[in-house]
PDB file of N, CA and C in Angstrom:
ATOM      1  N   UNK A   1     144.805   6.303  86.463  1.00  0.00           N
ATOM      2  CA  UNK A   1     144.261   6.711  85.184  1.00  0.00           C
ATOM      3  C   UNK A   1     143.506   8.019  85.325  1.00  0.00           C
ATOM      4  N   UNK A   2     142.665   8.153  86.372  1.00  0.00           N
ATOM      5  CA  UNK A   2     141.911   9.366  86.575  1.00  0.00           C
ATOM      6  C   UNK A   2     142.853  10.523  86.893  1.00  0.00           C
ATOM      7  N   UNK A   3     143.920  10.231  87.605  1.00  0.00           N
ATOM      8  CA  UNK A   3     144.880  11.276  87.946  1.00  0.00           C
ATOM      9  C   UNK A   3     145.572  11.792  86.674  1.00  0.00           C
ATOM     10  N   UNK A   4     145.939  10.924  85.767  1.00  0.00           N
ATOM     11  CA  UNK A   4     146.596  11.324  84.514  1.00  0.00           C
ATOM     12  C   UNK A   4     145.639  12.145  83.652  1.00  0.00           C
ATOM     13  N   UNK A   5     144.392  11.733  83.596  1.00  0.00           N
ATOM     14  CA  UNK A   5     143.385  12.464  82.829  1.00  0.00           C
ATOM     15  C   UNK A   5     143.175  13.863  83.412  1.00  0.00           C
ATOM     16  N   UNK A   6     143.079  13.934  84.731  1.00  0.00           N
ATOM     17  CA  UNK A   6     142.868  15.225  85.399  1.00  0.00           C
ATOM     18  C   UNK A   6     144.058  16.168  85.156  1.00  0.00           C
ATOM     19  N   UNK A   7     145.253  15.666  85.227  1.00  0.00           N
ATOM     20  CA  UNK A   7     146.441  16.461  84.985  1.00  0.00           C
ATOM     21  C   UNK A   7     146.482  16.936  83.525  1.00  0.00           C
ATOM     22  N   UNK A   8     146.120  16.072  82.589  1.00  0.00           N
ATOM     23  CA  UNK A   8     146.097  16.433  81.171  1.00  0.00           C
ATOM     24  C   UNK A   8     145.095  17.524  80.905  1.00  0.00           C
ATOM     25  N   UNK A   9     143.915  17.427  81.482  1.00  0.00           N
ATOM     26  CA  UNK A   9     142.881  18.448  81.290  1.00  0.00           C
ATOM     27  C   UNK A   9     143.336  19.772  81.904  1.00  0.00           C
ATOM     28  N   UNK A  10     143.896  19.703  83.094  1.00  0.00           N
ATOM     29  CA  UNK A  10     144.387  20.906  83.765  1.00  0.00           C
ATOM     30  C   UNK A  10     145.500  21.566  82.952  1.00  0.00           C
ATOM     31  N   UNK A  11     146.399  20.763  82.441  1.00  0.00           N
ATOM     32  CA  UNK A  11     147.508  21.296  81.644  1.00  0.00           C
ATOM     33  C   UNK A  11     146.994  21.920  80.341  1.00  0.00           C
ATOM     34  N   UNK A  12     146.021  21.276  79.707  1.00  0.00           N
ATOM     35  CA  UNK A  12     145.437  21.832  78.485  1.00  0.00           C
ATOM     36  C   UNK A  12     144.745  23.165  78.764  1.00  0.00           C
ATOM     37  N   UNK A  13     144.064  23.259  79.881  1.00  0.00           N
ATOM     38  CA  UNK A  13     143.398  24.499  80.270  1.00  0.00           C
ATOM     39  C   UNK A  13     144.400  25.614  80.533  1.00  0.00           C
ATOM     40  N   UNK A  14     145.474  25.311  81.219  1.00  0.00           N
ATOM     41  CA  UNK A  14     146.504  26.308  81.507  1.00  0.00           C
ATOM     42  C   UNK A  14     147.170  26.791  80.220  1.00  0.00           C
ATOM     43  N   UNK A  15     147.405  25.912  79.293  1.00  0.00           N
ATOM     44  CA  UNK A  15     148.024  26.281  78.039  1.00  0.00           C
ATOM     45  C   UNK A  15     147.069  27.065  77.132  1.00  0.00           C
ATOM     46  N   UNK A  16     145.790  26.854  77.269  1.00  0.00           N
ATOM     47  CA  UNK A  16     144.808  27.525  76.430  1.00  0.00           C
ATOM     48  C   UNK A  16     144.571  28.975  76.853  1.00  0.00           C
ATOM     49  N   UNK A  17     144.798  29.333  78.095  1.00  0.00           N
ATOM     50  CA  UNK A  17     144.528  30.661  78.594  1.00  0.00           C
ATOM     51  C   UNK A  17     145.358  31.729  77.851  1.00  0.00           C
ATOM     52  N   UNK A  18     146.674  31.579  77.684  1.00  0.00           N
ATOM     53  CA  UNK A  18     147.437  32.604  76.946  1.00  0.00           C
ATOM     54  C   UNK A  18     146.976  32.748  75.501  1.00  0.00           C
ATOM     55  N   UNK A  19     146.608  31.634  74.873  1.00  0.00           N
ATOM     56  CA  UNK A  19     146.141  31.694  73.492  1.00  0.00           C
ATOM     57  C   UNK A  19     144.856  32.495  73.405  1.00  0.00           C
ATOM     58  N   UNK A  20     143.927  32.278  74.308  1.00  0.00           N
ATOM     59  CA  UNK A  20     142.660  33.018  74.320  1.00  0.00           C
ATOM     60  C   UNK A  20     142.912  34.489  74.610  1.00  0.00           C
ATOM     61  N   UNK A  21     143.808  34.778  75.504  1.00  0.00           N
ATOM     62  CA  UNK A  21     144.136  36.171  75.844  1.00  0.00           C
ATOM     63  C   UNK A  21     144.753  36.893  74.647  1.00  0.00           C
ATOM     64  N   UNK A  22     145.626  36.218  73.915  1.00  0.00           N
ATOM     65  CA  UNK A  22     146.249  36.837  72.748  1.00  0.00           C
ATOM     66  C   UNK A  22     145.214  37.103  71.667  1.00  0.00           C
ATOM     67  N   UNK A  23     144.299  36.182  71.446  1.00  0.00           N
ATOM     68  CA  UNK A  23     143.265  36.380  70.432  1.00  0.00           C
ATOM     69  C   UNK A  23     142.379  37.546  70.784  1.00  0.00           C
ATOM     70  N   UNK A  24     142.056  37.672  72.064  1.00  0.00           N
ATOM     71  CA  UNK A  24     141.210  38.783  72.504  1.00  0.00           C
ATOM     72  C   UNK A  24     141.922  40.117  72.351  1.00  0.00           C
ATOM     73  N   UNK A  25     143.213  40.179  72.705  1.00  0.00           N
ATOM     74  CA  UNK A  25     143.971  41.425  72.586  1.00  0.00           C
ATOM     75  C   UNK A  25     144.128  41.861  71.141  1.00  0.00           C
ATOM     76  N   UNK A  26     144.406  40.916  70.240  1.00  0.00           N
ATOM     77  CA  UNK A  26     144.617  41.302  68.854  1.00  0.00           C
ATOM     78  C   UNK A  26     143.327  41.804  68.220  1.00  0.00           C
ATOM     79  N   UNK A  27     142.186  41.264  68.638  1.00  0.00           N
ATOM     80  CA  UNK A  27     140.908  41.778  68.131  1.00  0.00           C
ATOM     81  C   UNK A  27     140.656  43.202  68.609  1.00  0.00           C
ATOM     82  N   UNK A  28     141.028  43.479  69.830  1.00  0.00           N
ATOM     83  CA  UNK A  28     140.802  44.824  70.378  1.00  0.00           C
ATOM     84  C   UNK A  28     141.691  45.860  69.690  1.00  0.00           C
ATOM     85  N   UNK A  29     142.900  45.450  69.264  1.00  0.00           N
ATOM     86  CA  UNK A  29     143.840  46.403  68.664  1.00  0.00           C
ATOM     87  C   UNK A  29     143.653  46.541  67.149  1.00  0.00           C
ATOM     88  N   UNK A  30     142.822  45.739  66.526  1.00  0.00           N
ATOM     89  CA  UNK A  30     142.668  45.824  65.093  1.00  0.00           C
ATOM     90  C   UNK A  30     142.145  47.169  64.623  1.00  0.00           C
ATOM     91  N   UNK A  31     141.288  47.796  65.400  1.00  0.00           N
ATOM     92  CA  UNK A  31     140.706  49.072  64.958  1.00  0.00           C
ATOM     93  C   UNK A  31     141.753  50.191  64.980  1.00  0.00           C
ATOM     94  N   UNK A  32     142.719  50.136  65.836  1.00  0.00           N
ATOM     95  CA  UNK A  32     143.712  51.208  65.910  1.00  0.00           C
ATOM     96  C   UNK A  32     144.547  51.349  64.635  1.00  0.00           C
ATOM     97  N   UNK A  33     145.138  50.286  64.091  1.00  0.00           N
ATOM     98  CA  UNK A  33     145.914  50.467  62.847  1.00  0.00           C
ATOM     99  C   UNK A  33     145.034  50.981  61.696  1.00  0.00           C
ATOM    100  N   UNK A  34     143.807  50.476  61.592  1.00  0.00           N
ATOM    101  CA  UNK A  34     142.916  50.943  60.525  1.00  0.00           C
ATOM    102  C   UNK A  34     142.604  52.417  60.715  1.00  0.00           C
ATOM    103  N   UNK A  35     142.327  52.823  61.931  1.00  0.00           N
ATOM    104  CA  UNK A  35     142.044  54.229  62.188  1.00  0.00           C
ATOM    105  C   UNK A  35     143.259  55.082  61.884  1.00  0.00           C
ATOM    106  N   UNK A  36     144.448  54.586  62.240  1.00  0.00           N
ATOM    107  CA  UNK A  36     145.677  55.328  61.966  1.00  0.00           C
ATOM    108  C   UNK A  36     145.858  55.502  60.468  1.00  0.00           C
ATOM    109  N   UNK A  37     145.652  54.415  59.715  1.00  0.00           N
ATOM    110  CA  UNK A  37     145.822  54.492  58.265  1.00  0.00           C
ATOM    111  C   UNK A  37     144.823  55.455  57.662  1.00  0.00           C
ATOM    112  N   UNK A  38     143.571  55.393  58.128  1.00  0.00           N
ATOM    113  CA  UNK A  38     142.539  56.299  57.633  1.00  0.00           C
ATOM    114  C   UNK A  38     142.913  57.745  57.924  1.00  0.00           C
ATOM    115  N   UNK A  39     143.335  58.012  59.158  1.00  0.00           N
ATOM    116  CA  UNK A  39     143.719  59.375  59.552  1.00  0.00           C
ATOM    117  C   UNK A  39     144.909  59.862  58.731  1.00  0.00           C
ATOM    118  N   UNK A  40     145.868  58.983  58.517  1.00  0.00           N
ATOM    119  CA  UNK A  40     147.050  59.366  57.730  1.00  0.00           C
ATOM    120  C   UNK A  40     146.673  59.626  56.291  1.00  0.00           C
ATOM    121  N   UNK A  41     145.738  58.855  55.757  1.00  0.00           N
ATOM    122  CA  UNK A  41     145.318  59.058  54.374  1.00  0.00           C
ATOM    123  C   UNK A  41     144.628  60.416  54.217  1.00  0.00           C
ATOM    124  N   UNK A  42     143.803  60.779  55.186  1.00  0.00           N
ATOM    125  CA  UNK A  42     143.132  62.075  55.143  1.00  0.00           C
ATOM    126  C   UNK A  42     144.144  63.204  55.263  1.00  0.00           C
ATOM    127  N   UNK A  43     145.079  63.089  56.189  1.00  0.00           N
ATOM    128  CA  UNK A  43     146.129  64.092  56.358  1.00  0.00           C
ATOM    129  C   UNK A  43     146.937  64.245  55.091  1.00  0.00           C
ATOM    130  N   UNK A  44     147.324  63.130  54.468  1.00  0.00           N
ATOM    131  CA  UNK A  44     148.098  63.159  53.245  1.00  0.00           C
ATOM    132  C   UNK A  44     147.301  63.814  52.104  1.00  0.00           C
ATOM    133  N   UNK A  45     146.012  63.477  52.022  1.00  0.00           N
ATOM    134  CA  UNK A  45     145.174  64.063  50.952  1.00  0.00           C
ATOM    135  C   UNK A  45     145.047  65.583  51.128  1.00  0.00           C
ATOM    136  N   UNK A  46     144.886  66.034  52.366  1.00  0.00           N
ATOM    137  CA  UNK A  46     144.779  67.471  52.608  1.00  0.00           C
ATOM    138  C   UNK A  46     146.085  68.156  52.243  1.00  0.00           C
ATOM    139  N   UNK A  47     147.210  67.590  52.688  1.00  0.00           N
ATOM    140  CA  UNK A  47     148.512  68.171  52.378  1.00  0.00           C
ATOM    141  C   UNK A  47     148.749  68.235  50.876  1.00  0.00           C
ATOM    142  N   UNK A  48     148.315  67.187  50.155  1.00  0.00           N
ATOM    143  CA  UNK A  48     148.477  67.169  48.696  1.00  0.00           C
ATOM    144  C   UNK A  48     147.649  68.248  48.038  1.00  0.00           C
ATOM    145  N   UNK A  49     146.438  68.438  48.521  1.00  0.00           N
ATOM    146  CA  UNK A  49     145.585  69.485  47.968  1.00  0.00           C
ATOM    147  C   UNK A  49     146.157  70.871  48.247  1.00  0.00           C
ATOM    148  N   UNK A  50     146.649  71.090  49.447  1.00  0.00           N
ATOM    149  CA  UNK A  50     147.247  72.381  49.785  1.00  0.00           C
ATOM    150  C   UNK A  50     148.521  72.621  48.942  1.00  0.00           C
ATOM    151  N   UNK A  51     149.314  71.578  48.732  1.00  0.00           N
ATOM    152  CA  UNK A  51     150.523  71.719  47.920  1.00  0.00           C
ATOM    153  C   UNK A  51     150.167  72.025  46.478  1.00  0.00           C
ATOM    154  N   UNK A  52     149.132  71.380  45.975  1.00  0.00           N
ATOM    155  CA  UNK A  52     148.720  71.607  44.586  1.00  0.00           C
ATOM    156  C   UNK A  52     148.268  73.055  44.358  1.00  0.00           C
ATOM    157  N   UNK A  53     147.706  73.656  45.383  1.00  0.00           N
ATOM    158  CA  UNK A  53     147.277  75.045  45.286  1.00  0.00           C
ATOM    159  C   UNK A  53     148.350  76.023  45.789  1.00  0.00           C
ATOM    160  N   UNK A  54     149.506  75.475  46.146  1.00  0.00           N
ATOM    161  CA  UNK A  54     150.644  76.269  46.619  1.00  0.00           C
ATOM    162  C   UNK A  54     150.317  77.070  47.889  1.00  0.00           C
ATOM    163  N   UNK A  55     149.418  76.508  48.712  1.00  0.00           N
ATOM    164  CA  UNK A  55     149.053  77.162  49.973  1.00  0.00           C
ATOM    165  C   UNK A  55     150.235  77.138  50.923  1.00  0.00           C
ATOM    166  N   UNK A  56     150.986  76.057  50.959  1.00  0.00           N
ATOM    167  CA  UNK A  56     152.122  75.979  51.880  1.00  0.00           C
ATOM    168  C   UNK A  56     153.181  77.033  51.596  1.00  0.00           C
ATOM    169  N   UNK A  57     153.284  77.470  50.336  1.00  0.00           N
ATOM    170  CA  UNK A  57     154.265  78.507  50.025  1.00  0.00           C
ATOM    171  C   UNK A  57     153.814  79.864  50.558  1.00  0.00           C
ATOM    172  N   UNK A  58     152.569  79.949  50.957  1.00  0.00           N
ATOM    173  CA  UNK A  58     152.057  81.201  51.511  1.00  0.00           C
ATOM    174  C   UNK A  58     152.170  81.244  53.025  1.00  0.00           C
ATOM    175  N   UNK A  59     152.752  80.239  53.625  1.00  0.00           N
ATOM    176  CA  UNK A  59     152.891  80.210  55.083  1.00  0.00           C
ATOM    177  C   UNK A  59     153.403  78.869  55.550  1.00  0.00           C
ATOM    178  N   UNK A  60     153.233  78.622  56.822  1.00  0.00           N
ATOM    179  CA  UNK A  60     153.661  77.376  57.460  1.00  0.00           C
ATOM    180  C   UNK A  60     152.429  76.725  58.072  1.00  0.00           C
ATOM    181  N   UNK A  61     151.806  75.813  57.348  1.00  0.00           N
ATOM    182  CA  UNK A  61     150.546  75.202  57.796  1.00  0.00           C
ATOM    183  C   UNK A  61     150.799  73.739  58.123  1.00  0.00           C
ATOM    184  N   UNK A  62     150.428  73.335  59.330  1.00  0.00           N
ATOM    185  CA  UNK A  62     150.499  71.951  59.766  1.00  0.00           C
ATOM    186  C   UNK A  62     149.103  71.353  59.714  1.00  0.00           C
ATOM    187  N   UNK A  63     149.046  70.074  59.346  1.00  0.00           N
ATOM    188  CA  UNK A  63     147.776  69.362  59.205  1.00  0.00           C
ATOM    189  C   UNK A  63     147.817  68.135  60.095  1.00  0.00           C
ATOM    190  N   UNK A  64     146.755  67.933  60.881  1.00  0.00           N
ATOM    191  CA  UNK A  64     146.643  66.724  61.711  1.00  0.00           C
ATOM    192  C   UNK A  64     145.184  66.282  61.659  1.00  0.00           C
ATOM    193  N   UNK A  65     144.979  64.973  61.667  1.00  0.00           N
ATOM    194  CA  UNK A  65     143.629  64.402  61.612  1.00  0.00           C
ATOM    195  C   UNK A  65     143.411  63.460  62.766  1.00  0.00           C
ATOM    196  N   UNK A  66     142.265  63.578  63.431  1.00  0.00           N
ATOM    197  CA  UNK A  66     141.974  62.632  64.534  1.00  0.00           C
ATOM    198  C   UNK A  66     141.178  61.455  63.997  1.00  0.00           C
ATOM    199  N   UNK A  67     140.867  60.484  64.846  1.00  0.00           N
ATOM    200  CA  UNK A  67     140.245  59.249  64.400  1.00  0.00           C
ATOM    201  C   UNK A  67     138.814  59.433  63.930  1.00  0.00           C
ATOM    202  N   UNK A  68     138.209  60.596  64.150  1.00  0.00           N
ATOM    203  CA  UNK A  68     136.852  60.852  63.738  1.00  0.00           C
ATOM    204  C   UNK A  68     136.780  61.622  62.416  1.00  0.00           C
ATOM    205  N   UNK A  69     137.914  61.830  61.755  1.00  0.00           N
ATOM    206  CA  UNK A  69     137.951  62.564  60.504  1.00  0.00           C
ATOM    207  C   UNK A  69     137.912  64.070  60.674  1.00  0.00           C
ATOM    208  N   UNK A  70     138.230  64.546  61.889  1.00  0.00           N
ATOM    209  CA  UNK A  70     138.308  65.973  62.152  1.00  0.00           C
ATOM    210  C   UNK A  70     139.748  66.419  61.890  1.00  0.00           C
ATOM    211  N   UNK A  71     139.876  67.429  61.036  1.00  0.00           N
ATOM    212  CA  UNK A  71     141.192  67.920  60.653  1.00  0.00           C
ATOM    213  C   UNK A  71     141.498  69.199  61.433  1.00  0.00           C
ATOM    214  N   UNK A  72     142.714  69.256  61.962  1.00  0.00           N
ATOM    215  CA  UNK A  72     143.189  70.414  62.720  1.00  0.00           C
ATOM    216  C   UNK A  72     144.258  71.104  61.899  1.00  0.00           C
ATOM    217  N   UNK A  73     144.045  72.359  61.555  1.00  0.00           N
ATOM    218  CA  UNK A  73     145.034  73.173  60.875  1.00  0.00           C
ATOM    219  C   UNK A  73     145.674  74.114  61.873  1.00  0.00           C
ATOM    220  N   UNK A  74     146.990  74.187  61.881  1.00  0.00           N
ATOM    221  CA  UNK A  74     147.683  75.100  62.781  1.00  0.00           C
ATOM    222  C   UNK A  74     148.858  75.721  62.064  1.00  0.00           C
ATOM    223  N   UNK A  75     149.359  76.780  62.602  1.00  0.00           N
ATOM    224  CA  UNK A  75     150.518  77.458  62.023  1.00  0.00           C
ATOM    225  C   UNK A  75     150.175  78.862  61.562  1.00  0.00           C
ATOM    226  N   UNK A  76     150.886  79.309  60.525  1.00  0.00           N
ATOM    227  CA  UNK A  76     150.720  80.658  60.051  1.00  0.00           C
ATOM    228  C   UNK A  76     150.548  80.707  58.533  1.00  0.00           C
ATOM    229  N   UNK A  77     149.928  81.765  58.084  1.00  0.00           N
ATOM    230  CA  UNK A  77     149.829  82.064  56.650  1.00  0.00           C
ATOM    231  C   UNK A  77     150.100  83.561  56.508  1.00  0.00           C
ATOM    232  N   UNK A  78     150.414  83.982  55.281  1.00  0.00           N
ATOM    233  CA  UNK A  78     150.777  85.375  55.069  1.00  0.00           C
ATOM    234  C   UNK A  78     149.567  86.289  54.950  1.00  0.00           C
ATOM    235  N   UNK A  79     148.390  85.737  54.608  1.00  0.00           N
ATOM    236  CA  UNK A  79     147.184  86.545  54.483  1.00  0.00           C
ATOM    237  C   UNK A  79     145.971  85.786  55.023  1.00  0.00           C
ATOM    238  N   UNK A  80     144.921  86.529  55.311  1.00  0.00           N
ATOM    239  CA  UNK A  80     143.675  85.903  55.722  1.00  0.00           C
ATOM    240  C   UNK A  80     143.067  85.108  54.560  1.00  0.00           C
ATOM    241  N   UNK A  81     143.260  85.601  53.334  1.00  0.00           N
ATOM    242  CA  UNK A  81     142.767  84.867  52.142  1.00  0.00           C
ATOM    243  C   UNK A  81     143.395  83.478  52.050  1.00  0.00           C
ATOM    244  N   UNK A  82     144.685  83.355  52.366  1.00  0.00           N
ATOM    245  CA  UNK A  82     145.374  82.067  52.331  1.00  0.00           C
ATOM    246  C   UNK A  82     144.794  81.136  53.406  1.00  0.00           C
ATOM    247  N   UNK A  83     144.475  81.685  54.559  1.00  0.00           N
ATOM    248  CA  UNK A  83     143.855  80.887  55.627  1.00  0.00           C
ATOM    249  C   UNK A  83     142.491  80.391  55.178  1.00  0.00           C
ATOM    250  N   UNK A  84     141.686  81.316  54.629  1.00  0.00           N
ATOM    251  CA  UNK A  84     140.355  80.934  54.179  1.00  0.00           C
ATOM    252  C   UNK A  84     140.409  79.878  53.069  1.00  0.00           C
ATOM    253  N   UNK A  85     141.383  80.014  52.179  1.00  0.00           N
ATOM    254  CA  UNK A  85     141.518  79.037  51.096  1.00  0.00           C
ATOM    255  C   UNK A  85     141.963  77.687  51.639  1.00  0.00           C
ATOM    256  N   UNK A  86     142.860  77.673  52.604  1.00  0.00           N
ATOM    257  CA  UNK A  86     143.318  76.412  53.216  1.00  0.00           C
ATOM    258  C   UNK A  86     142.168  75.714  53.894  1.00  0.00           C
ATOM    259  N   UNK A  87     141.326  76.448  54.605  1.00  0.00           N
ATOM    260  CA  UNK A  87     140.171  75.841  55.264  1.00  0.00           C
ATOM    261  C   UNK A  87     139.197  75.298  54.244  1.00  0.00           C
ATOM    262  N   UNK A  88     138.942  76.066  53.207  1.00  0.00           N
ATOM    263  CA  UNK A  88     138.014  75.637  52.156  1.00  0.00           C
ATOM    264  C   UNK A  88     138.501  74.365  51.453  1.00  0.00           C
ATOM    265  N   UNK A  89     139.776  74.322  51.100  1.00  0.00           N
ATOM    266  CA  UNK A  89     140.349  73.134  50.467  1.00  0.00           C
ATOM    267  C   UNK A  89     140.252  71.944  51.380  1.00  0.00           C
ATOM    268  N   UNK A  90     140.537  72.136  52.657  1.00  0.00           N
ATOM    269  CA  UNK A  90     140.474  71.046  53.623  1.00  0.00           C
ATOM    270  C   UNK A  90     139.055  70.510  53.733  1.00  0.00           C
ATOM    271  N   UNK A  91     138.075  71.395  53.852  1.00  0.00           N
ATOM    272  CA  UNK A  91     136.681  70.959  53.949  1.00  0.00           C
ATOM    273  C   UNK A  91     136.241  70.141  52.748  1.00  0.00           C
ATOM    274  N   UNK A  92     136.766  70.469  51.567  1.00  0.00           N
ATOM    275  CA  UNK A  92     136.380  69.799  50.333  1.00  0.00           C
ATOM    276  C   UNK A  92     137.098  68.466  50.125  1.00  0.00           C
ATOM    277  N   UNK A  93     138.037  68.138  50.978  1.00  0.00           N
ATOM    278  CA  UNK A  93     138.806  66.891  50.838  1.00  0.00           C
ATOM    279  C   UNK A  93     137.991  65.701  51.328  1.00  0.00           C
ATOM    280  N   UNK A  94     138.013  64.608  50.553  1.00  0.00           N
ATOM    281  CA  UNK A  94     137.251  63.416  50.880  1.00  0.00           C
ATOM    282  C   UNK A  94     137.664  62.839  52.241  1.00  0.00           C
ATOM    283  N   UNK A  95     136.693  62.487  53.039  1.00  0.00           N
ATOM    284  CA  UNK A  95     136.941  61.898  54.341  1.00  0.00           C
ATOM    285  C   UNK A  95     136.952  62.886  55.485  1.00  0.00           C
ATOM    286  N   UNK A  96     137.009  64.182  55.183  1.00  0.00           N
ATOM    287  CA  UNK A  96     137.057  65.216  56.235  1.00  0.00           C
ATOM    288  C   UNK A  96     135.632  65.451  56.739  1.00  0.00           C
ATOM    289  N   UNK A  97     135.450  65.280  58.047  1.00  0.00           N
ATOM    290  CA  UNK A  97     134.142  65.512  58.663  1.00  0.00           C
ATOM    291  C   UNK A  97     133.970  66.962  59.092  1.00  0.00           C
ATOM    292  N   UNK A  98     135.026  67.553  59.643  1.00  0.00           N
ATOM    293  CA  UNK A  98     135.008  68.952  60.015  1.00  0.00           C
ATOM    294  C   UNK A  98     136.429  69.462  60.127  1.00  0.00           C
ATOM    295  N   UNK A  99     136.544  70.796  60.189  1.00  0.00           N
ATOM    296  CA  UNK A  99     137.872  71.427  60.226  1.00  0.00           C
ATOM    297  C   UNK A  99     137.935  72.382  61.406  1.00  0.00           C
ATOM    298  N   UNK A 100     138.999  72.269  62.184  1.00  0.00           N
ATOM    299  CA  UNK A 100     139.304  73.223  63.248  1.00  0.00           C
ATOM    300  C   UNK A 100     140.610  73.914  62.890  1.00  0.00           C
ATOM    301  N   UNK A 101     140.592  75.215  62.970  1.00  0.00           N
ATOM    302  CA  UNK A 101     141.783  75.975  62.562  1.00  0.00           C
ATOM    303  C   UNK A 101     142.232  76.929  63.660  1.00  0.00           C
ATOM    304  N   UNK A 102     143.551  76.924  63.898  1.00  0.00           N
ATOM    305  CA  UNK A 102     144.171  77.908  64.775  1.00  0.00           C
ATOM    306  C   UNK A 102     145.189  78.689  63.961  1.00  0.00           C
ATOM    307  N   UNK A 103     144.988  78.734  62.628  1.00  0.00           N
ATOM    308  CA  UNK A 103     145.897  79.457  61.755  1.00  0.00           C
ATOM    309  C   UNK A 103     145.840  80.952  62.057  1.00  0.00           C
ATOM    310  N   UNK A 104     146.979  81.592  62.004  1.00  0.00           N
ATOM    311  CA  UNK A 104     147.069  83.034  62.223  1.00  0.00           C
ATOM    312  C   UNK A 104     147.816  83.676  61.075  1.00  0.00           C
ATOM    313  N   UNK A 105     147.574  84.964  60.864  1.00  0.00           N
ATOM    314  CA  UNK A 105     148.260  85.721  59.821  1.00  0.00           C
ATOM    315  C   UNK A 105     149.597  86.197  60.376  1.00  0.00           C
ATOM    316  N   UNK A 106     150.648  85.938  59.614  1.00  0.00           N
ATOM    317  CA  UNK A 106     151.972  86.407  59.993  1.00  0.00           C
ATOM    318  C   UNK A 106     152.605  87.036  58.761  1.00  0.00           C
ATOM    319  N   UNK A 107     152.715  88.312  58.789  1.00  0.00           N
ATOM    320  CA  UNK A 107     153.314  89.064  57.677  1.00  0.00           C
ATOM    321  C   UNK A 107     154.821  88.854  57.639  1.00  0.00           C
ATOM    322  N   UNK A 108     155.377  88.889  56.427  1.00  0.00           N
ATOM    323  CA  UNK A 108     156.846  88.845  56.319  1.00  0.00           C
ATOM    324  C   UNK A 108     157.443  90.117  56.904  1.00  0.00           C
ATOM    325  N   UNK A 109     158.572  89.957  57.552  1.00  0.00           N
ATOM    326  CA  UNK A 109     159.247  91.136  58.142  1.00  0.00           C
ATOM    327  C   UNK A 109     160.123  91.808  57.134  1.00  0.00           C
TER     328      UNK A 109
END
């Protein structure tokens, strides 16, 4: 009887370990999808604002957002005014904490 009880307890413990490990892993990964969705929402909002002001037609501007709400603008614009306007629009977008720009002026040939 004691042997059967000991085996049952041991078996229950062995079966419980993977369940506990899965619960711990899923809790650790929950923040990543939320952060990704937040970052994507900020990127989409910035792109929508730039499109509404027709900034993209003035050059080739890429937008990326990190998990801290920092937006990175890269690419080219036709004038410095377009770059300044893109940065200003980005800063005014909800959720943006700061803006880093590597935009450069590229004149049409």
